[in-house]
Amino acid sequence: MKDVWIQITAAQADAERRDREELAEFSTDGRYACRAGAGTIYYMESELTGMEGTQTRIDFSPNGAVLTRTGNLTGRMDFTPGERNTFLYETPYGSATVGLQTQRYASTLTEQGGTLDIEYVIDFDHAFVGTNTLHITIQEQRGNEHG
């Protein structure tokens, strides 16, 4: 595992993909390991994401990824292209089972870093909610610079 700089952009679009709303864009320090296109990304969520005190772990391969959160919030999202998976979505008001179907998955991650792009559809009880995108960039840390 090595120290890296992680940039994350999450967005959501409506059914017609006209109204794209950026849900979060932030950068953070994290840990990273990759061999032959598969590996792990770790980072701590911040107040900005509303998940302070939560650790996010992303296990990725060329074929898909699993995002797991532990701490103040817990959850697991399976991004396997062509498959519909469910996950438990927890809020202060209760929990709900949510469906997730990965539409597009692309990784350029190597030992030096790269990008992970995921596009997925969210539904509640098979009722469409929105199309989400997640773009993650990993860069090696060089001293105190995040360039």
N, C-alpha and C. Protein backbone atom coordinates (compact mmCIF):
# COMPACT_ATOMS: atom_id res chain seq x y z
N MET A 1 0.86 -1.19 0.00
CA MET A 1 0.00 0.00 0.00
C MET A 1 0.90 1.24 0.00
N LYS A 2 0.46 2.23 -0.77
CA LYS A 2 1.20 3.48 -0.79
C LYS A 2 0.26 4.65 -0.64
N ASP A 3 0.82 5.78 -0.23
CA ASP A 3 0.04 7.00 -0.07
C ASP A 3 -0.26 7.59 -1.44
N VAL A 4 -1.52 8.00 -1.65
CA VAL A 4 -1.94 8.58 -2.92
C VAL A 4 -2.84 9.78 -2.68
N TRP A 5 -3.07 10.54 -3.73
CA TRP A 5 -3.99 11.65 -3.75
C TRP A 5 -5.18 11.19 -4.59
N ILE A 6 -6.39 11.27 -4.03
CA ILE A 6 -7.59 10.75 -4.67
C ILE A 6 -8.53 11.91 -4.97
N GLN A 7 -8.97 12.01 -6.23
CA GLN A 7 -9.96 13.01 -6.63
C GLN A 7 -11.22 12.25 -7.03
N ILE A 8 -12.36 12.67 -6.47
CA ILE A 8 -13.62 11.97 -6.71
C ILE A 8 -14.68 12.97 -7.16
N THR A 9 -15.38 12.63 -8.23
CA THR A 9 -16.54 13.41 -8.68
C THR A 9 -17.71 12.44 -8.80
N ALA A 10 -18.79 12.77 -8.12
CA ALA A 10 -20.02 11.97 -8.19
C ALA A 10 -21.13 12.87 -8.72
N ALA A 11 -21.91 12.34 -9.68
CA ALA A 11 -23.00 13.13 -10.26
C ALA A 11 -24.21 12.23 -10.47
N GLN A 12 -25.38 12.87 -10.62
CA GLN A 12 -26.62 12.14 -10.86
C GLN A 12 -27.40 12.85 -11.96
N ALA A 13 -28.01 12.06 -12.85
CA ALA A 13 -28.83 12.62 -13.93
C ALA A 13 -30.23 12.05 -13.83
N ASP A 14 -31.21 12.79 -14.38
CA ASP A 14 -32.59 12.30 -14.39
C ASP A 14 -32.77 11.28 -15.51
N ALA A 15 -33.99 10.83 -15.70
CA ALA A 15 -34.28 9.76 -16.66
C ALA A 15 -33.85 10.11 -18.08
N GLU A 16 -34.00 11.37 -18.47
CA GLU A 16 -33.63 11.78 -19.83
C GLU A 16 -32.17 12.20 -19.91
N ARG A 17 -31.48 12.16 -18.78
CA ARG A 17 -30.07 12.57 -18.68
C ARG A 17 -29.86 14.01 -19.10
N ARG A 18 -30.87 14.84 -18.91
CA ARG A 18 -30.75 16.26 -19.25
C ARG A 18 -30.20 17.03 -18.07
N ASP A 19 -30.82 16.82 -16.92
CA ASP A 19 -30.43 17.57 -15.73
C ASP A 19 -29.39 16.77 -14.95
N ARG A 20 -28.14 17.15 -15.12
CA ARG A 20 -27.04 16.47 -14.42
C ARG A 20 -26.68 17.31 -13.20
N GLU A 21 -26.80 16.71 -12.05
CA GLU A 21 -26.51 17.40 -10.81
C GLU A 21 -25.25 16.81 -10.19
N GLU A 22 -24.27 17.66 -9.91
CA GLU A 22 -23.07 17.18 -9.27
C GLU A 22 -23.37 17.00 -7.79
N LEU A 23 -23.19 15.79 -7.30
CA LEU A 23 -23.50 15.49 -5.91
C LEU A 23 -22.32 15.81 -5.00
N ALA A 24 -21.11 15.54 -5.49
CA ALA A 24 -19.92 15.80 -4.68
C ALA A 24 -18.70 15.85 -5.57
N GLU A 25 -17.78 16.71 -5.23
CA GLU A 25 -16.47 16.74 -5.88
C GLU A 25 -15.46 17.10 -4.80
N PHE A 26 -14.53 16.21 -4.55
CA PHE A 26 -13.55 16.47 -3.51
C PHE A 26 -12.27 15.69 -3.77
N SER A 27 -11.23 16.10 -3.06
CA SER A 27 -9.94 15.43 -3.11
C SER A 27 -9.52 15.08 -1.69
N THR A 28 -8.81 13.98 -1.55
CA THR A 28 -8.40 13.53 -0.22
C THR A 28 -7.16 12.65 -0.32
N ASP A 29 -6.48 12.51 0.79
CA ASP A 29 -5.37 11.57 0.89
C ASP A 29 -5.95 10.18 1.07
N GLY A 30 -5.22 9.19 0.60
CA GLY A 30 -5.67 7.82 0.78
C GLY A 30 -4.53 6.84 0.62
N ARG A 31 -4.90 5.57 0.62
CA ARG A 31 -3.93 4.48 0.45
C ARG A 31 -4.37 3.67 -0.76
N TYR A 32 -3.38 3.06 -1.45
CA TYR A 32 -3.66 2.42 -2.73
C TYR A 32 -2.68 1.29 -2.99
N ALA A 33 -3.19 0.23 -3.56
CA ALA A 33 -2.36 -0.87 -4.04
C ALA A 33 -2.98 -1.41 -5.31
N CYS A 34 -2.15 -1.75 -6.29
CA CYS A 34 -2.64 -2.29 -7.56
C CYS A 34 -1.59 -3.20 -8.17
N ARG A 35 -2.05 -4.34 -8.66
CA ARG A 35 -1.18 -5.27 -9.38
C ARG A 35 -2.02 -5.91 -10.48
N ALA A 36 -1.52 -5.83 -11.72
CA ALA A 36 -2.20 -6.42 -12.87
C ALA A 36 -3.65 -5.94 -13.01
N GLY A 37 -3.89 -4.64 -12.74
CA GLY A 37 -5.21 -4.06 -12.93
C GLY A 37 -6.20 -4.29 -11.80
N ALA A 38 -5.77 -4.98 -10.74
CA ALA A 38 -6.67 -5.24 -9.60
C ALA A 38 -6.01 -4.72 -8.32
N GLY A 39 -6.85 -4.23 -7.40
CA GLY A 39 -6.28 -3.71 -6.16
C GLY A 39 -7.32 -3.10 -5.25
N THR A 40 -6.83 -2.20 -4.38
CA THR A 40 -7.67 -1.61 -3.34
C THR A 40 -7.37 -0.13 -3.19
N ILE A 41 -8.42 0.66 -2.96
CA ILE A 41 -8.32 2.08 -2.64
C ILE A 41 -8.97 2.27 -1.27
N TYR A 42 -8.29 2.99 -0.37
CA TYR A 42 -8.84 3.33 0.95
C TYR A 42 -8.82 4.84 1.12
N TYR A 43 -9.89 5.40 1.71
CA TYR A 43 -9.86 6.80 2.12
C TYR A 43 -10.93 7.03 3.18
N MET A 44 -10.74 8.10 3.94
CA MET A 44 -11.71 8.49 4.96
C MET A 44 -12.65 9.54 4.36
N GLU A 45 -13.94 9.34 4.58
CA GLU A 45 -14.93 10.33 4.14
C GLU A 45 -14.79 11.57 5.01
N SER A 46 -15.29 12.69 4.51
CA SER A 46 -15.17 13.95 5.24
C SER A 46 -16.55 14.56 5.50
N GLU A 47 -16.54 15.67 6.18
CA GLU A 47 -17.77 16.42 6.44
C GLU A 47 -18.43 16.83 5.13
N LEU A 48 -17.60 17.09 4.10
CA LEU A 48 -18.10 17.51 2.79
C LEU A 48 -19.06 16.48 2.19
N THR A 49 -18.79 15.19 2.38
CA THR A 49 -19.65 14.15 1.81
C THR A 49 -20.79 13.79 2.75
N GLY A 50 -20.78 14.35 3.96
CA GLY A 50 -21.81 14.02 4.93
C GLY A 50 -21.61 12.66 5.58
N MET A 51 -20.42 12.09 5.40
CA MET A 51 -20.14 10.76 5.94
C MET A 51 -18.89 10.76 6.81
N GLU A 52 -18.67 11.86 7.52
CA GLU A 52 -17.50 11.97 8.39
C GLU A 52 -17.44 10.79 9.36
N GLY A 53 -16.23 10.27 9.59
CA GLY A 53 -16.07 9.13 10.48
C GLY A 53 -16.31 7.79 9.80
N THR A 54 -16.36 7.81 8.47
CA THR A 54 -16.60 6.59 7.70
C THR A 54 -15.40 6.32 6.79
N GLN A 55 -14.93 5.08 6.79
CA GLN A 55 -13.86 4.69 5.88
C GLN A 55 -14.46 4.02 4.65
N THR A 56 -14.01 4.45 3.48
CA THR A 56 -14.45 3.83 2.23
C THR A 56 -13.31 2.99 1.67
N ARG A 57 -13.65 1.78 1.27
CA ARG A 57 -12.69 0.85 0.65
C ARG A 57 -13.30 0.44 -0.69
N ILE A 58 -12.51 0.54 -1.75
CA ILE A 58 -12.94 0.10 -3.07
C ILE A 58 -11.99 -1.00 -3.53
N ASP A 59 -12.51 -2.20 -3.68
CA ASP A 59 -11.75 -3.31 -4.24
C ASP A 59 -12.12 -3.37 -5.71
N PHE A 60 -11.12 -3.24 -6.59
CA PHE A 60 -11.40 -3.17 -8.03
C PHE A 60 -10.61 -4.21 -8.81
N SER A 61 -11.14 -4.53 -9.98
CA SER A 61 -10.46 -5.40 -10.93
C SER A 61 -10.81 -4.88 -12.32
N PRO A 62 -10.26 -5.47 -13.37
CA PRO A 62 -10.66 -5.03 -14.71
C PRO A 62 -12.14 -5.28 -15.00
N ASN A 63 -12.80 -6.15 -14.22
CA ASN A 63 -14.18 -6.55 -14.50
C ASN A 63 -15.24 -5.93 -13.61
N GLY A 64 -14.86 -5.20 -12.58
CA GLY A 64 -15.85 -4.62 -11.68
C GLY A 64 -15.21 -4.14 -10.39
N ALA A 65 -16.04 -3.61 -9.50
CA ALA A 65 -15.54 -3.08 -8.23
C ALA A 65 -16.60 -3.27 -7.15
N VAL A 66 -16.14 -3.32 -5.90
CA VAL A 66 -17.03 -3.37 -4.74
C VAL A 66 -16.60 -2.24 -3.81
N LEU A 67 -17.56 -1.37 -3.50
CA LEU A 67 -17.32 -0.25 -2.59
C LEU A 67 -17.93 -0.62 -1.24
N THR A 68 -17.11 -0.58 -0.18
CA THR A 68 -17.57 -0.94 1.16
C THR A 68 -17.30 0.23 2.10
N ARG A 69 -18.30 0.60 2.88
CA ARG A 69 -18.14 1.68 3.87
C ARG A 69 -18.29 1.08 5.27
N THR A 70 -17.40 1.49 6.17
CA THR A 70 -17.47 1.08 7.57
C THR A 70 -17.25 2.30 8.45
N GLY A 71 -17.78 2.25 9.66
CA GLY A 71 -17.67 3.38 10.58
C GLY A 71 -19.03 3.93 10.91
N ASN A 72 -19.17 5.27 10.89
CA ASN A 72 -20.45 5.91 11.21
C ASN A 72 -21.55 5.47 10.25
N LEU A 73 -21.21 5.25 8.99
CA LEU A 73 -22.15 4.72 8.00
C LEU A 73 -21.59 3.42 7.47
N THR A 74 -22.46 2.47 7.21
CA THR A 74 -22.01 1.20 6.64
C THR A 74 -22.79 0.92 5.37
N GLY A 75 -22.16 0.21 4.47
CA GLY A 75 -22.84 -0.16 3.24
C GLY A 75 -21.89 -0.87 2.30
N ARG A 76 -22.48 -1.50 1.29
CA ARG A 76 -21.69 -2.23 0.30
C ARG A 76 -22.39 -2.09 -1.04
N MET A 77 -21.65 -1.62 -2.05
CA MET A 77 -22.18 -1.46 -3.40
C MET A 77 -21.33 -2.29 -4.36
N ASP A 78 -21.98 -3.16 -5.12
CA ASP A 78 -21.29 -4.05 -6.06
C ASP A 78 -21.49 -3.52 -7.47
N PHE A 79 -20.39 -3.10 -8.11
CA PHE A 79 -20.44 -2.57 -9.47
C PHE A 79 -19.93 -3.63 -10.45
N THR A 80 -20.82 -4.53 -10.85
CA THR A 80 -20.49 -5.54 -11.84
C THR A 80 -21.31 -5.26 -13.08
N PRO A 81 -20.66 -4.91 -14.20
CA PRO A 81 -21.41 -4.56 -15.41
C PRO A 81 -22.39 -5.66 -15.82
N GLY A 82 -23.62 -5.22 -16.18
CA GLY A 82 -24.63 -6.15 -16.65
C GLY A 82 -25.40 -6.86 -15.56
N GLU A 83 -25.05 -6.64 -14.31
CA GLU A 83 -25.77 -7.30 -13.21
C GLU A 83 -26.50 -6.26 -12.37
N ARG A 84 -27.66 -6.65 -11.85
CA ARG A 84 -28.39 -5.81 -10.90
C ARG A 84 -28.12 -6.37 -9.52
N ASN A 85 -27.63 -5.52 -8.64
CA ASN A 85 -27.35 -5.90 -7.26
C ASN A 85 -28.15 -5.00 -6.35
N THR A 86 -28.36 -5.45 -5.13
CA THR A 86 -29.05 -4.61 -4.15
C THR A 86 -28.10 -4.29 -3.01
N PHE A 87 -28.37 -3.18 -2.35
CA PHE A 87 -27.59 -2.81 -1.17
C PHE A 87 -28.52 -2.10 -0.20
N LEU A 88 -28.13 -2.09 1.06
CA LEU A 88 -28.90 -1.44 2.10
C LEU A 88 -28.44 0.00 2.21
N TYR A 89 -29.36 0.93 2.04
CA TYR A 89 -29.07 2.36 2.13
C TYR A 89 -29.58 2.83 3.48
N GLU A 90 -28.65 3.29 4.33
CA GLU A 90 -29.02 3.73 5.67
C GLU A 90 -29.06 5.23 5.76
N THR A 91 -30.11 5.76 6.38
CA THR A 91 -30.25 7.19 6.63
C THR A 91 -30.60 7.37 8.10
N PRO A 92 -30.54 8.61 8.59
CA PRO A 92 -30.95 8.84 9.99
C PRO A 92 -32.41 8.46 10.23
N TYR A 93 -33.21 8.34 9.15
CA TYR A 93 -34.64 8.06 9.29
C TYR A 93 -34.99 6.59 9.10
N GLY A 94 -34.00 5.79 8.78
CA GLY A 94 -34.25 4.36 8.57
C GLY A 94 -33.44 3.83 7.41
N SER A 95 -33.69 2.58 7.08
CA SER A 95 -32.95 1.91 6.01
C SER A 95 -33.89 1.52 4.87
N ALA A 96 -33.32 1.40 3.68
CA ALA A 96 -34.08 0.97 2.51
C ALA A 96 -33.19 0.09 1.65
N THR A 97 -33.79 -0.87 0.97
CA THR A 97 -33.05 -1.69 0.03
C THR A 97 -33.13 -1.02 -1.33
N VAL A 98 -31.97 -0.82 -1.93
CA VAL A 98 -31.86 -0.09 -3.18
C VAL A 98 -31.25 -1.01 -4.23
N GLY A 99 -31.75 -0.92 -5.46
CA GLY A 99 -31.19 -1.68 -6.58
C GLY A 99 -30.16 -0.85 -7.31
N LEU A 100 -29.12 -1.51 -7.79
CA LEU A 100 -28.04 -0.85 -8.50
C LEU A 100 -27.68 -1.71 -9.72
N GLN A 101 -27.68 -1.11 -10.89
CA GLN A 101 -27.26 -1.83 -12.08
C GLN A 101 -26.18 -1.03 -12.79
N THR A 102 -25.00 -1.62 -12.93
CA THR A 102 -23.86 -0.95 -13.54
C THR A 102 -24.04 -0.93 -15.05
N GLN A 103 -24.05 0.28 -15.62
CA GLN A 103 -24.21 0.46 -17.06
C GLN A 103 -22.86 0.50 -17.78
N ARG A 104 -21.87 1.13 -17.14
CA ARG A 104 -20.55 1.29 -17.75
C ARG A 104 -19.49 1.22 -16.67
N TYR A 105 -18.42 0.50 -16.96
CA TYR A 105 -17.32 0.36 -16.02
C TYR A 105 -16.03 0.42 -16.82
N ALA A 106 -15.15 1.37 -16.50
CA ALA A 106 -13.89 1.51 -17.21
C ALA A 106 -12.79 1.86 -16.22
N SER A 107 -11.71 1.10 -16.26
CA SER A 107 -10.58 1.32 -15.36
C SER A 107 -9.29 1.43 -16.15
N THR A 108 -8.49 2.45 -15.84
CA THR A 108 -7.13 2.57 -16.39
C THR A 108 -6.12 2.45 -15.24
N LEU A 109 -6.55 1.90 -14.11
CA LEU A 109 -5.70 1.85 -12.93
C LEU A 109 -4.52 0.89 -13.12
N THR A 110 -3.33 1.40 -12.77
CA THR A 110 -2.09 0.62 -12.80
C THR A 110 -1.38 0.83 -11.47
N GLU A 111 -0.19 0.29 -11.35
CA GLU A 111 0.59 0.48 -10.11
C GLU A 111 0.84 1.96 -9.83
N GLN A 112 0.89 2.80 -10.88
CA GLN A 112 1.17 4.23 -10.71
C GLN A 112 -0.08 5.07 -10.45
N GLY A 113 -1.28 4.51 -10.64
CA GLY A 113 -2.51 5.27 -10.48
C GLY A 113 -3.35 5.18 -11.74
N GLY A 114 -4.20 6.18 -11.99
CA GLY A 114 -5.07 6.17 -13.16
C GLY A 114 -6.47 6.59 -12.79
N THR A 115 -7.45 6.12 -13.57
CA THR A 115 -8.84 6.52 -13.33
C THR A 115 -9.76 5.30 -13.29
N LEU A 116 -10.86 5.50 -12.57
CA LEU A 116 -11.93 4.51 -12.50
C LEU A 116 -13.22 5.26 -12.78
N ASP A 117 -13.96 4.84 -13.82
CA ASP A 117 -15.22 5.48 -14.20
C ASP A 117 -16.34 4.45 -14.12
N ILE A 118 -17.38 4.80 -13.37
CA ILE A 118 -18.52 3.90 -13.20
C ILE A 118 -19.79 4.69 -13.45
N GLU A 119 -20.68 4.12 -14.26
CA GLU A 119 -22.01 4.70 -14.47
C GLU A 119 -23.02 3.63 -14.08
N TYR A 120 -23.97 4.01 -13.23
CA TYR A 120 -24.93 3.02 -12.73
C TYR A 120 -26.29 3.64 -12.50
N VAL A 121 -27.31 2.79 -12.60
CA VAL A 121 -28.69 3.19 -12.40
C VAL A 121 -29.12 2.75 -11.00
N ILE A 122 -29.82 3.64 -10.31
CA ILE A 122 -30.34 3.36 -8.96
C ILE A 122 -31.86 3.24 -9.05
N ASP A 123 -32.42 2.25 -8.33
CA ASP A 123 -33.88 2.14 -8.25
C ASP A 123 -34.30 1.76 -6.83
N PHE A 124 -35.52 2.17 -6.47
CA PHE A 124 -36.17 1.75 -5.23
C PHE A 124 -37.33 0.86 -5.65
N ASP A 125 -37.31 -0.39 -5.22
CA ASP A 125 -38.38 -1.33 -5.60
C ASP A 125 -38.62 -1.33 -7.11
N HIS A 126 -37.57 -1.36 -7.89
CA HIS A 126 -37.59 -1.39 -9.35
C HIS A 126 -38.13 -0.11 -9.98
N ALA A 127 -38.33 0.95 -9.21
CA ALA A 127 -38.75 2.24 -9.75
C ALA A 127 -37.49 3.09 -9.96
N PHE A 128 -37.26 3.54 -11.18
CA PHE A 128 -36.07 4.30 -11.55
C PHE A 128 -35.91 5.55 -10.68
N VAL A 129 -34.72 5.77 -10.17
CA VAL A 129 -34.42 6.97 -9.38
C VAL A 129 -33.51 7.90 -10.17
N GLY A 130 -32.44 7.36 -10.73
CA GLY A 130 -31.52 8.20 -11.49
C GLY A 130 -30.32 7.42 -11.97
N THR A 131 -29.58 8.05 -12.88
CA THR A 131 -28.33 7.49 -13.37
C THR A 131 -27.20 8.24 -12.70
N ASN A 132 -26.34 7.52 -12.00
CA ASN A 132 -25.24 8.12 -11.28
C ASN A 132 -23.92 7.83 -11.99
N THR A 133 -22.99 8.75 -11.87
CA THR A 133 -21.64 8.52 -12.36
C THR A 133 -20.66 8.77 -11.22
N LEU A 134 -19.62 7.99 -11.23
CA LEU A 134 -18.55 8.10 -10.24
C LEU A 134 -17.24 8.11 -11.00
N HIS A 135 -16.46 9.18 -10.85
CA HIS A 135 -15.16 9.31 -11.52
C HIS A 135 -14.10 9.47 -10.43
N ILE A 136 -13.16 8.53 -10.39
CA ILE A 136 -12.11 8.54 -9.37
C ILE A 136 -10.76 8.58 -10.06
N THR A 137 -9.92 9.53 -9.66
CA THR A 137 -8.56 9.64 -10.18
C THR A 137 -7.58 9.40 -9.04
N ILE A 138 -6.60 8.54 -9.28
CA ILE A 138 -5.58 8.21 -8.29
C ILE A 138 -4.24 8.73 -8.80
N GLN A 139 -3.54 9.51 -7.96
CA GLN A 139 -2.21 10.00 -8.30
C GLN A 139 -1.26 9.69 -7.15
N GLU A 140 -0.03 9.30 -7.50
CA GLU A 140 0.98 9.07 -6.48
C GLU A 140 1.30 10.39 -5.80
N GLN A 141 1.53 10.33 -4.50
CA GLN A 141 1.95 11.54 -3.79
C GLN A 141 3.45 11.71 -3.93
N ARG A 142 3.83 12.92 -4.23
CA ARG A 142 5.26 13.26 -4.35
C ARG A 142 5.52 14.40 -3.38
N GLY A 143 6.08 14.07 -2.22
CA GLY A 143 6.31 15.12 -1.23
C GLY A 143 5.01 15.71 -0.76
N ASN A 144 4.92 17.05 -0.70
CA ASN A 144 3.70 17.71 -0.27
C ASN A 144 2.88 18.21 -1.44
N GLU A 145 3.25 17.85 -2.66
CA GLU A 145 2.54 18.36 -3.82
C GLU A 145 1.50 17.36 -4.29
N HIS A 146 0.37 17.88 -4.71
CA HIS A 146 -0.71 17.04 -5.22
C HIS A 146 -0.95 17.36 -6.69
N GLY A 147 0.09 17.47 -7.47
CA GLY A 147 -0.04 17.95 -8.83
C GLY A 147 -0.41 16.95 -9.78
